[in-house]
Every structure is written in structure tokens, then in C-alpha cells.
Amino acid sequence: MTALNQSEIASRLSGLPEWQVEKGELVRTRQFKDFRASMAFVNQVADLAEEAQHHPDIDIRYSKVRLALVTHDAGGLTAKDFDLAAKSDRLA
């Protein structure tokens, strides 16, 4: 898989308004009502990640979950990152 260029990244970001690029990663932090809701979301993301064979970095802080995506072996953001981001948005 090939890393996307800046123009492609900007185009794909327009379809994911809650996401942003930070230090070369596609990131979003979500707020949930409590820890159980956070964990339920994380478990659903884990299922999606396993299906896609593409695993985000996940940071859990009680009712906040931060996802960070990057395709390390491609050296940047790829379609896989944006696809998994879009699928995770459809979960909640």
C-alpha cells in the first residue's frame, strides 16, 4: 500500500470532519458517558481492526478514547487508515 500525498489526505479528511492529522497520524478523540461505554466502543474497534488487519493505537482515559492511525510499513497515511476511521465513526 502506498502512502497518500498531502492533496489526497486533505481530500479524504473532508469526509471525516472529526478527524485531524497530528504528527503524521490520523487521530480522533471521542467522549463517552462512562468507562463501560468507552470499553464497548474500543472492543468494537478491535473487531474492525482485526477484520482489516490494521490496528490503531488506542488511548483510553475513563470516558475518552483516542484513536491514532498510520500505516507504518507504507511510511505514512494510506487508504487503510481512512477506511478504518470511517468504519469506526459508524459505530457510535
Protein backbone atom coordinates (compact mmCIF):
# COMPACT_ATOMS: atom_id res chain seq x y z
CA MET A 1 0.00 0.00 0.00
CA THR A 2 1.30 3.44 -0.93
CA ALA A 3 1.28 6.49 1.33
CA LEU A 4 -1.11 9.24 0.26
CA ASN A 5 0.20 12.66 -0.75
CA GLN A 6 -0.92 15.87 1.01
CA SER A 7 -3.61 16.60 -1.58
CA GLU A 8 -5.11 13.11 -1.20
CA ILE A 9 -5.00 13.39 2.59
CA ALA A 10 -6.79 16.76 2.51
CA SER A 11 -9.45 15.35 0.20
CA ARG A 12 -10.09 12.33 2.42
CA LEU A 13 -10.11 14.47 5.59
CA SER A 14 -13.01 16.47 4.18
CA GLY A 15 -15.14 13.34 4.53
CA LEU A 16 -14.08 12.82 8.16
CA PRO A 17 -14.71 16.17 9.85
CA GLU A 18 -13.99 14.96 13.39
CA TRP A 19 -10.54 13.63 12.44
CA GLN A 20 -7.28 15.52 12.07
CA VAL A 21 -3.68 14.80 11.21
CA GLU A 22 -1.27 15.20 14.14
CA LYS A 23 2.41 14.36 13.77
CA GLY A 24 1.71 12.22 10.71
CA GLU A 25 -1.13 10.24 12.31
CA LEU A 26 -4.86 10.37 11.66
CA VAL A 27 -6.41 11.00 15.10
CA ARG A 28 -9.74 11.46 16.80
CA THR A 29 -10.74 11.62 20.44
CA ARG A 30 -14.26 10.55 21.35
CA GLN A 31 -16.16 11.26 24.55
CA PHE A 32 -18.46 8.62 26.09
CA LYS A 33 -20.81 8.67 29.06
CA ASP A 34 -18.61 6.41 31.19
CA PHE A 35 -15.83 3.82 31.23
CA ARG A 36 -18.11 0.95 30.20
CA ALA A 37 -19.26 2.83 27.11
CA SER A 38 -15.63 3.64 26.26
CA MET A 39 -14.66 -0.01 26.54
CA ALA A 40 -17.63 -1.18 24.47
CA PHE A 41 -16.52 1.17 21.69
CA VAL A 42 -12.89 0.01 21.96
CA ASN A 43 -13.96 -3.62 21.67
CA GLN A 44 -15.96 -2.83 18.53
CA VAL A 45 -12.97 -1.01 17.05
CA ALA A 46 -10.81 -4.03 17.90
CA ASP A 47 -13.16 -6.27 15.89
CA LEU A 48 -12.98 -3.91 12.90
CA ALA A 49 -9.19 -3.71 13.19
CA GLU A 50 -8.84 -7.49 13.24
CA GLU A 51 -11.04 -7.82 10.14
CA ALA A 52 -8.97 -5.19 8.33
CA GLN A 53 -5.63 -6.45 9.69
CA HIS A 54 -4.90 -2.82 10.50
CA HIS A 55 -4.54 -1.83 14.15
CA PRO A 56 -4.81 1.68 15.59
CA ASP A 57 -3.07 2.99 18.65
CA ILE A 58 -5.80 3.30 21.28
CA ASP A 59 -5.56 5.50 24.37
CA ILE A 60 -8.33 5.12 26.96
CA ARG A 61 -8.88 7.76 29.64
CA TYR A 62 -12.04 6.76 31.53
CA SER A 63 -14.72 8.27 29.26
CA LYS A 64 -12.39 9.42 26.46
CA VAL A 65 -10.93 7.24 23.72
CA ARG A 66 -8.25 8.49 21.35
CA LEU A 67 -7.61 6.56 18.14
CA ALA A 68 -4.45 7.16 16.11
CA LEU A 69 -3.96 5.59 12.70
CA VAL A 70 -0.93 5.38 10.44
CA THR A 71 0.37 2.71 8.09
CA HIS A 72 3.91 2.29 9.40
CA ASP A 73 5.11 -0.04 6.64
CA ALA A 74 4.00 2.50 4.00
CA GLY A 75 5.68 5.36 5.84
CA GLY A 76 2.55 7.48 6.22
CA LEU A 77 -1.20 7.65 5.87
CA THR A 78 -2.91 5.31 3.42
CA ALA A 79 -6.42 4.45 2.31
CA LYS A 80 -6.45 1.78 5.05
CA ASP A 81 -6.21 4.48 7.72
CA PHE A 82 -9.09 6.48 6.31
CA ASP A 83 -11.21 3.36 5.75
CA LEU A 84 -10.82 2.24 9.36
CA ALA A 85 -11.50 5.78 10.61
CA ALA A 86 -14.75 5.90 8.62
CA LYS A 87 -15.83 2.48 9.90
CA SER A 88 -15.13 3.50 13.50
CA ASP A 89 -17.25 6.62 13.03
CA ARG A 90 -20.21 4.44 12.06
CA LEU A 91 -20.01 2.54 15.37
CA ALA A 92 -21.30 5.21 17.70
